[in-house]
């Protein structure tokens, strides 16, 4: 696959997906403590009816928090992560979200390629800092990143 991204469909996560989502997050050392509370913000990325990835964007006012992005091992390094993030960001932009934030311990170079920039964690909006992700689930060592959606045309 040269420079084209694989096809991927987004579908909203449901209660029936909760066990799978929690298993994938645990396997990838991502927090699960609040997943049942943010289930409405999560999506499954499917390719030919196979779940290849999960992720979500929690809305907080005009900002979004990118959460819980995982691609199944068999589908990594094939563009599915980028495609999943692109689709979620397009959805967020269509819903009027102006900036997306995230915290990562391992994937900052991946997110830089998507246009995110590292920022000081304390310069994130208070609404982000008050989320469970910022306040208790991710360690202070996690890299904070931001993507202004208004910059994307």
Protein backbone atom coordinates (compact mmCIF):
# COMPACT_ATOMS: atom_id res chain seq x y z
CA UNK A 1 0.00 0.00 0.00
CA UNK A 2 1.94 3.02 -1.22
CA UNK A 3 0.73 6.33 0.22
CA UNK A 4 -2.97 5.46 0.33
CA UNK A 5 -4.61 4.76 3.63
CA UNK A 6 -6.69 1.62 4.12
CA UNK A 7 -10.46 1.83 4.12
CA UNK A 8 -11.99 2.02 7.54
CA UNK A 9 -15.50 2.53 8.87
CA UNK A 10 -16.26 4.16 12.22
CA UNK A 11 -19.09 2.93 14.37
CA UNK A 12 -20.13 4.06 17.81
CA UNK A 13 -19.11 1.71 20.60
CA UNK A 14 -21.90 -0.02 22.51
CA UNK A 15 -22.23 -1.85 25.82
CA UNK A 16 -21.62 -5.07 23.89
CA UNK A 17 -18.15 -3.77 22.94
CA UNK A 18 -17.11 -2.86 26.47
CA UNK A 19 -15.28 -6.12 27.28
CA UNK A 20 -13.29 -6.02 24.02
CA UNK A 21 -12.40 -2.35 24.55
CA UNK A 22 -11.24 -2.97 28.12
CA UNK A 23 -9.18 -6.02 27.04
CA UNK A 24 -7.40 -4.06 24.30
CA UNK A 25 -6.70 -1.14 26.62
CA UNK A 26 -5.27 -3.42 29.34
CA UNK A 27 -3.10 -5.24 26.76
CA UNK A 28 -1.75 -1.87 25.63
CA UNK A 29 -1.23 -0.42 29.11
CA UNK A 30 -3.91 2.26 28.72
CA UNK A 31 -6.32 3.31 31.48
CA UNK A 32 -9.67 1.54 31.77
CA UNK A 33 -10.99 2.97 35.03
CA UNK A 34 -13.48 5.36 33.42
CA UNK A 35 -14.19 3.57 30.13
CA UNK A 36 -17.78 2.68 31.03
CA UNK A 37 -18.44 6.38 31.77
CA UNK A 38 -17.02 7.56 28.42
CA UNK A 39 -18.41 4.74 26.27
CA UNK A 40 -20.58 7.20 24.32
CA UNK A 41 -17.36 8.96 23.19
CA UNK A 42 -15.72 5.79 21.83
CA UNK A 43 -15.65 4.33 18.33
CA UNK A 44 -14.60 1.08 16.77
CA UNK A 45 -12.77 1.20 13.47
CA UNK A 46 -13.73 -1.70 11.24
CA UNK A 47 -12.32 -2.99 7.98
CA UNK A 48 -14.47 -5.54 6.14
CA UNK A 49 -16.48 -6.19 9.33
CA UNK A 50 -13.32 -6.84 11.38
CA UNK A 51 -12.58 -4.56 14.32
CA UNK A 52 -9.07 -3.25 13.74
CA UNK A 53 -8.98 -0.35 16.18
CA UNK A 54 -10.67 1.66 18.88
CA UNK A 55 -10.48 5.25 20.00
CA UNK A 56 -12.55 8.16 21.13
CA UNK A 57 -12.86 11.86 21.56
CA UNK A 58 -14.42 13.16 24.77
CA UNK A 59 -16.03 16.54 24.23
CA UNK A 60 -15.40 19.24 26.81
CA UNK A 61 -16.94 22.51 25.60
CA UNK A 62 -15.27 23.46 22.32
CA UNK A 63 -12.36 21.11 22.95
CA UNK A 64 -11.92 17.37 22.59
CA UNK A 65 -9.74 14.85 24.39
CA UNK A 66 -8.44 12.06 22.17
CA UNK A 67 -8.58 8.87 24.20
CA UNK A 68 -7.81 5.19 24.15
CA UNK A 69 -6.45 4.81 20.61
CA UNK A 70 -5.42 1.20 19.96
CA UNK A 71 -4.90 -0.78 16.77
CA UNK A 72 -4.97 -4.59 16.85
CA UNK A 73 -1.50 -6.10 16.51
CA UNK A 74 -2.25 -7.74 13.15
CA UNK A 75 -3.19 -4.36 11.64
CA UNK A 76 -0.35 -2.18 12.92
CA UNK A 77 2.10 -0.40 10.63
CA UNK A 78 -0.44 -0.44 7.78
CA UNK A 79 -1.99 3.01 8.14
CA UNK A 80 -5.01 2.00 10.21
CA UNK A 81 -3.97 4.13 13.19
CA UNK A 82 -3.66 7.21 11.03
CA UNK A 83 -6.96 6.47 9.28
CA UNK A 84 -8.76 5.92 12.59
CA UNK A 85 -7.44 9.19 14.01
CA UNK A 86 -8.24 11.06 10.77
CA UNK A 87 -11.85 9.85 10.86
CA UNK A 88 -12.31 10.77 14.54
CA UNK A 89 -10.76 14.20 13.97
CA UNK A 90 -13.02 14.80 10.95
CA UNK A 91 -16.02 13.87 13.09
CA UNK A 92 -14.87 16.18 15.89
CA UNK A 93 -14.39 19.04 13.46
CA UNK A 94 -17.85 18.47 11.95
CA UNK A 95 -19.28 18.64 15.48
CA UNK A 96 -17.66 22.04 16.08
CA UNK A 97 -14.72 21.00 18.23
CA UNK A 98 -11.97 23.57 17.77
CA UNK A 99 -8.97 21.82 19.32
CA UNK A 100 -8.11 18.25 20.25
CA UNK A 101 -5.78 17.39 23.13
CA UNK A 102 -4.17 14.13 24.17
CA UNK A 103 -1.73 12.61 26.62
CA UNK A 104 0.66 9.87 25.55
CA UNK A 105 3.53 7.94 27.06
CA UNK A 106 4.59 6.13 23.90
CA UNK A 107 3.13 7.58 20.70
CA UNK A 108 4.18 11.23 20.54
CA UNK A 109 6.11 10.79 17.26
CA UNK A 110 3.02 9.16 15.69
CA UNK A 111 0.82 12.08 16.74
CA UNK A 112 3.33 14.67 15.53
CA UNK A 113 2.97 13.10 12.07
CA UNK A 114 -0.79 13.74 12.36
CA UNK A 115 -0.19 17.43 13.06
CA UNK A 116 -0.30 17.45 16.86
CA UNK A 117 2.23 19.61 18.68
CA UNK A 118 3.64 18.99 22.13
CA UNK A 119 2.57 21.60 24.67
CA UNK A 120 3.09 22.18 28.36
CA UNK A 121 0.48 20.11 30.17
CA UNK A 122 -0.45 23.09 32.35
CA UNK A 123 -1.24 25.23 29.31
CA UNK A 124 -4.11 22.93 28.34
CA UNK A 125 -7.54 24.42 29.09
CA UNK A 126 -8.87 23.94 32.61
CA UNK A 127 -11.65 21.75 31.19
CA UNK A 128 -8.96 19.33 29.98
CA UNK A 129 -6.95 19.51 33.18
CA UNK A 130 -10.09 18.62 35.15
CA UNK A 131 -10.69 15.38 33.22
CA UNK A 132 -9.86 12.06 34.88
CA UNK A 133 -7.32 11.45 32.11
CA UNK A 134 -5.34 14.56 33.08
CA UNK A 135 -5.98 14.61 36.81
CA UNK A 136 -5.44 10.97 37.76
CA UNK A 137 -5.24 8.40 34.95
CA UNK A 138 -2.12 9.54 33.07
CA UNK A 139 1.18 10.15 34.84
CA UNK A 140 2.78 13.58 34.89
CA UNK A 141 5.48 12.18 32.60
CA UNK A 142 2.95 11.79 29.73
CA UNK A 143 3.46 14.14 26.80
CA UNK A 144 0.58 16.58 26.32
CA UNK A 145 -0.26 17.43 22.71
CA UNK A 146 -2.71 19.69 20.88
CA UNK A 147 -4.15 19.93 17.38
CA UNK A 148 -6.07 23.05 16.36
CA UNK A 149 -8.83 21.91 14.04
CA UNK A 150 -9.30 25.42 12.65
CA UNK A 151 -5.81 25.02 11.11
CA UNK A 152 -6.94 22.02 9.05
CA UNK A 153 -8.39 22.87 5.66
